[in-house]
Protein backbone atom coordinates (compact mmCIF):
# COMPACT_ATOMS: atom_id res chain seq x y z
CA MET A 1 -46.72 -50.33 16.27
CA ARG A 2 -46.71 -51.28 19.96
CA PRO A 3 -46.36 -48.44 22.50
CA ALA A 4 -42.89 -47.93 23.94
CA TYR A 5 -42.23 -49.06 27.51
CA SER A 6 -41.69 -45.97 29.64
CA PHE A 7 -38.69 -47.36 31.55
CA ASP A 8 -36.47 -49.14 29.03
CA ASN A 9 -33.88 -51.59 30.39
CA ASP A 10 -31.34 -50.12 27.95
CA ASP A 11 -31.52 -46.80 29.77
CA PRO A 12 -28.46 -46.04 31.95
CA ALA A 13 -30.76 -45.48 34.95
CA ALA A 14 -32.48 -48.88 34.62
CA GLU A 15 -30.15 -50.70 36.99
CA GLN A 16 -30.74 -48.13 39.71
CA ARG A 17 -34.49 -48.44 39.12
CA HIS A 18 -34.32 -52.21 39.65
CA ASP A 19 -32.36 -51.76 42.88
CA ILE A 20 -34.80 -49.15 44.18
CA LEU A 21 -37.86 -51.22 43.33
CA ALA A 22 -36.35 -54.29 44.99
CA GLU A 23 -35.69 -52.31 48.17
CA MET A 24 -39.21 -50.92 48.17
CA LEU A 25 -41.22 -53.96 47.17
CA ASP A 26 -39.32 -57.17 47.94
CA PRO A 27 -40.42 -57.43 51.60
CA PHE A 28 -44.11 -57.32 50.61
CA THR A 29 -43.60 -59.64 47.65
CA PHE A 30 -41.62 -62.15 49.70
CA ALA A 31 -44.37 -62.18 52.34
CA ARG A 32 -46.95 -62.89 49.65
CA LEU A 33 -44.79 -65.68 48.24
CA ALA A 34 -44.66 -67.19 51.72
CA ASP A 35 -48.48 -67.30 51.63
CA ALA A 36 -48.21 -69.62 48.62
CA GLY A 37 -47.03 -72.43 50.87
CA ASP A 38 -44.07 -74.76 50.46
CA LEU A 39 -42.52 -74.20 47.02
CA THR A 40 -39.81 -76.85 47.40
CA GLY A 41 -39.39 -78.68 44.11
CA ARG A 42 -41.99 -76.52 42.36
CA ARG A 43 -41.94 -74.95 38.88
CA CYS A 44 -42.02 -71.15 39.06
CA LEU A 45 -42.19 -68.53 36.30
CA GLU A 46 -41.13 -64.94 36.99
CA VAL A 47 -42.27 -62.69 34.11
CA GLY A 48 -40.83 -59.23 33.61
CA ALA A 49 -38.08 -60.22 36.02
CA GLY A 50 -36.18 -56.90 35.87
CA GLY A 51 -33.08 -57.15 38.06
CA GLY A 52 -33.83 -60.67 39.25
CA SER A 53 -34.36 -60.19 43.00
CA VAL A 54 -37.65 -62.10 43.04
CA ALA A 55 -36.27 -64.83 40.79
CA ARG A 56 -33.40 -65.31 43.24
CA ARG A 57 -35.89 -65.62 46.08
CA LEU A 58 -37.92 -68.17 44.16
CA ALA A 59 -34.76 -70.18 43.41
CA ALA A 60 -34.01 -70.30 47.14
CA LEU A 61 -37.59 -71.34 47.93
CA THR A 62 -37.82 -74.07 45.29
CA GLY A 63 -34.40 -75.54 46.03
CA PRO A 64 -32.28 -77.73 43.76
CA GLY A 65 -35.24 -79.95 42.87
CA GLY A 66 -37.33 -77.05 41.58
CA ARG A 67 -37.18 -74.90 38.48
CA VAL A 68 -37.35 -71.12 38.14
CA LEU A 69 -37.49 -69.36 34.79
CA ALA A 70 -37.00 -65.59 34.75
CA THR A 71 -38.18 -63.85 31.59
CA ASP A 72 -38.01 -60.27 30.38
CA LEU A 73 -38.45 -58.39 27.14
CA ASN A 74 -34.89 -57.18 27.71
CA PRO A 75 -33.11 -59.49 30.21
CA ARG A 76 -29.79 -57.66 30.20
CA HIS A 77 -30.00 -56.95 33.95
CA LEU A 78 -30.69 -60.54 34.95
CA PRO A 79 -27.43 -62.01 36.33
CA VAL A 80 -26.53 -65.58 35.42
CA ASN A 81 -25.58 -68.38 37.81
CA GLN A 82 -28.20 -67.32 40.36
CA GLY A 83 -30.14 -70.58 40.47
CA TYR A 84 -32.67 -69.67 37.81
CA ALA A 85 -32.83 -69.86 34.01
CA VAL A 86 -33.19 -66.71 31.88
CA MET A 87 -35.22 -66.22 28.70
CA ARG A 88 -35.87 -63.22 26.48
CA HIS A 89 -39.65 -63.17 26.13
CA ASP A 90 -42.37 -60.81 24.90
CA LEU A 91 -45.63 -61.25 26.82
CA MET A 92 -47.47 -59.34 24.10
CA THR A 93 -46.60 -61.67 21.23
CA ASP A 94 -44.94 -64.87 22.48
CA PRO A 95 -46.65 -67.93 23.98
CA ILE A 96 -46.23 -68.39 27.71
CA PRO A 97 -43.07 -70.52 27.92
CA GLU A 98 -43.02 -74.14 29.01
CA PRO A 99 -46.36 -74.58 30.82
CA PRO A 100 -47.66 -75.80 33.18
CA TRP A 101 -46.34 -73.81 36.16
CA ASP A 102 -47.01 -74.21 39.85
CA LEU A 103 -46.54 -70.49 40.45
CA ILE A 104 -46.40 -67.51 38.11
CA HIS A 105 -45.46 -64.07 39.42
CA ALA A 106 -45.57 -60.70 37.66
CA ARG A 107 -44.68 -57.43 39.42
CA LEU A 108 -45.14 -53.97 37.86
CA VAL A 109 -45.55 -55.64 34.46
CA LEU A 110 -49.16 -56.01 33.33
CA ALA A 111 -50.09 -52.39 34.02
CA HIS A 112 -47.65 -51.38 31.27
CA LEU A 113 -49.08 -53.74 28.62
CA PRO A 114 -52.11 -52.72 26.54
CA ARG A 115 -53.66 -56.23 26.37
CA ARG A 116 -53.15 -56.83 30.08
CA ALA A 117 -56.43 -58.66 30.77
CA GLU A 118 -55.83 -61.02 27.84
CA ILE A 119 -52.27 -61.68 29.03
CA LEU A 120 -53.50 -62.39 32.56
CA HIS A 121 -55.93 -64.93 31.10
CA ARG A 122 -53.09 -66.66 29.22
CA LEU A 123 -50.97 -66.73 32.37
CA ALA A 124 -53.87 -68.30 34.28
CA GLU A 125 -54.26 -70.96 31.59
CA SER A 126 -50.55 -71.79 31.91
CA LEU A 127 -50.89 -72.84 35.54
CA ALA A 128 -50.87 -76.45 36.66
CA PRO A 129 -53.95 -77.59 38.60
CA ASP A 130 -53.91 -75.80 41.98
CA GLY A 131 -51.17 -73.51 40.63
CA ILE A 132 -51.01 -69.91 41.83
CA LEU A 133 -50.91 -66.67 39.85
CA LEU A 134 -49.59 -63.68 41.83
CA VAL A 135 -49.84 -60.29 40.11
CA GLU A 136 -48.61 -57.08 41.75
CA ASP A 137 -49.10 -53.61 40.33
CA TRP A 138 -49.13 -50.06 41.59
CA VAL A 139 -52.18 -47.86 41.56
CA SER A 140 -50.89 -44.32 41.23
CA ALA A 141 -53.81 -42.53 39.57
CA TYR A 142 -54.65 -40.20 42.44
CA PRO A 143 -54.01 -36.50 43.21
CA ASP A 144 -52.63 -34.75 46.30
CA VAL A 145 -49.50 -36.84 46.73
CA VAL A 146 -47.45 -34.41 48.82
CA LEU A 147 -47.67 -34.94 52.60
CA ASN A 148 -44.92 -32.44 53.41
CA ALA A 149 -42.52 -30.25 51.45
CA PRO A 150 -39.82 -27.64 52.11
CA ASP A 151 -42.05 -24.92 50.66
CA ALA A 152 -45.23 -24.35 48.70
CA ALA A 153 -43.39 -24.13 45.38
CA ALA A 154 -41.77 -27.53 45.94
CA ALA A 155 -45.13 -29.08 46.77
CA ALA A 156 -46.72 -27.61 43.65
CA LEU A 157 -43.85 -28.85 41.47
CA VAL A 158 -44.06 -32.40 42.77
CA GLU A 159 -47.84 -32.44 42.30
CA ARG A 160 -47.41 -31.20 38.73
CA TYR A 161 -44.70 -33.80 38.01
CA HIS A 162 -46.96 -36.56 39.35
CA ARG A 163 -49.92 -35.45 37.22
CA ILE A 164 -47.80 -35.40 34.07
CA VAL A 165 -46.32 -38.85 34.65
CA VAL A 166 -49.58 -40.53 35.66
CA ASN A 167 -52.06 -38.75 33.40
CA ARG A 168 -49.95 -38.22 30.28
CA LEU A 169 -46.65 -40.06 29.96
CA LEU A 170 -47.62 -43.52 31.19
CA PRO A 171 -50.97 -43.69 29.31
CA ALA A 172 -49.26 -42.43 26.13
CA ASN A 173 -47.03 -45.51 26.31
CA GLY A 174 -49.93 -47.92 26.82
CA ALA A 175 -49.83 -48.11 30.61
CA ASP A 176 -52.84 -48.00 32.93
CA PRO A 177 -51.90 -46.48 36.32
CA SER A 178 -55.14 -47.80 37.88
CA TRP A 179 -54.94 -51.38 36.54
CA GLY A 180 -53.98 -52.90 39.90
CA SER A 181 -57.46 -52.16 41.26
CA ARG A 182 -59.00 -54.26 38.46
CA THR A 183 -56.71 -57.28 38.75
CA HIS A 184 -58.99 -59.03 41.25
CA ALA A 185 -61.95 -58.94 38.85
CA ALA A 186 -59.71 -60.01 35.95
CA MET A 187 -58.55 -63.09 37.88
CA LEU A 188 -62.14 -64.07 38.63
CA ALA A 189 -63.02 -63.60 34.97
CA ALA A 190 -60.10 -65.89 34.08
CA GLY A 191 -61.66 -68.64 36.21
CA LEU A 192 -59.24 -68.53 39.13
CA THR A 193 -60.47 -69.39 42.61
CA GLY A 194 -59.63 -68.18 46.09
CA VAL A 195 -58.77 -64.79 44.64
CA ARG A 196 -57.36 -62.51 47.33
CA THR A 197 -55.94 -58.99 47.21
CA GLU A 198 -53.68 -57.32 49.74
CA ILE A 199 -53.03 -53.58 49.41
CA ARG A 200 -50.05 -51.85 50.95
CA ALA A 201 -48.72 -48.30 50.93
CA GLU A 202 -46.54 -46.06 53.06
CA SER A 203 -45.06 -42.59 52.93
CA TRP A 204 -41.91 -41.97 50.88
CA ALA A 205 -39.44 -39.35 52.11
CA GLY A 206 -36.67 -37.74 50.13
CA GLY A 207 -33.50 -39.79 50.41
CA THR A 208 -35.36 -43.09 50.79
CA ALA A 209 -35.92 -45.48 47.91
CA GLY A 210 -39.38 -44.04 47.23
CA GLY A 211 -38.09 -40.48 47.17
CA LEU A 212 -35.12 -41.38 44.97
CA LEU A 213 -37.52 -42.91 42.47
CA ILE A 214 -38.44 -39.35 41.47
CA ALA A 215 -34.87 -38.70 40.29
CA VAL A 216 -34.75 -42.03 38.43
CA ASN A 217 -38.02 -41.17 36.71
CA VAL A 218 -36.62 -37.79 35.70
CA ALA A 219 -33.58 -39.55 34.25
CA GLN A 220 -35.70 -41.98 32.25
CA VAL A 221 -38.64 -39.85 31.11
CA GLY A 222 -37.10 -36.39 31.35
CA ALA A 223 -37.69 -35.71 27.66
CA GLY A 224 -41.39 -36.35 28.13
CA LEU A 225 -41.51 -34.10 31.18
CA LEU A 226 -39.85 -31.30 29.21
CA ALA A 227 -42.27 -31.80 26.32
CA ALA A 228 -45.14 -31.53 28.80
CA GLY A 229 -43.93 -28.10 29.93
CA LEU A 230 -41.51 -28.60 32.80
CA THR A 231 -38.20 -26.73 32.51
CA GLU A 232 -34.65 -27.98 32.93
CA ALA A 233 -34.46 -25.99 36.16
CA GLU A 234 -37.60 -27.69 37.44
CA LEU A 235 -36.18 -31.13 36.61
CA GLU A 236 -33.05 -30.22 38.55
CA ARG A 237 -35.21 -29.11 41.49
CA LEU A 238 -37.09 -32.42 41.40
CA CYS A 239 -33.80 -34.33 41.59
CA THR A 240 -32.74 -32.21 44.56
CA LEU A 241 -36.08 -32.76 46.28
CA ALA A 242 -35.70 -36.51 45.73
CA THR A 243 -32.88 -36.44 48.30
CA ASP A 244 -34.45 -33.92 50.70
CA PRO A 245 -36.01 -35.62 53.75
CA ARG A 246 -38.37 -32.65 54.17
CA LEU A 247 -40.24 -33.87 51.09
CA VAL A 248 -42.67 -36.64 51.97
CA ILE A 249 -45.12 -38.08 49.46
CA ARG A 250 -47.80 -40.71 49.52
CA GLY A 251 -46.40 -43.97 48.23
CA HIS A 252 -48.25 -45.73 45.44
CA LEU A 253 -50.78 -48.35 46.47
CA THR A 254 -49.35 -51.82 45.80
CA TYR A 255 -52.17 -54.20 44.86
CA SER A 256 -50.98 -57.79 45.32
CA THR A 257 -53.56 -60.22 43.97
CA SER A 258 -53.37 -64.01 43.91
CA GLY A 259 -55.62 -66.77 42.64
CA ARG A 260 -55.50 -70.53 42.04
CA ARG A 261 -56.38 -72.65 39.04
CA ARG A 262 -58.94 -75.35 39.65
């Protein structure tokens, strides 16, 4: 049996998660897509498309002569009539759809899949000559995330929450919170050239998208947090802290790695 994805699209909080992630990550992703050059008329595949913000951007960049396919294991949050096609697709078991592609993009996807290096290799093989693979994942496997907090108890609670999510809940569901730091080597092993990694991070304060992600995580993996020893009162405190600007945490490191097929 395959591990369960930690943040199921059927969850009521999934739509808010997609909105938050788009607010946090789209500027960096769009800058990296600009590095890919002129995409007018190109064929682009967006895997694990989530809420579709990157697919919409790709549709605008490729124009009416291009083609964008947005895939997801559960595409329920991908709106139609946005300039891209939608397909339900399982990266673990299904062939990469309709190769070759001029650009393939995957954000916060491969780190959650147990056979991530194998899948990256299949994505690389699905590129057209000179096609680009752009993979973006967080590296969150680090301690001491709190930069400021209302009080010592709040800081200790957030640190404990982070350890549980990163060290227990995500790995139990097949995720690797440090995978992003190994993507560069995996692309080289897959035969891609010109491999380049940019890393970005910033502080997240309560009330911003990064802070609010704590409350969304509590909504989606609260049962796991309770099973790991947190109390209902502590989950409520985490949700309150998520909106408190006095809480400031280190944002996850976003590893954005690209490579070209010969």
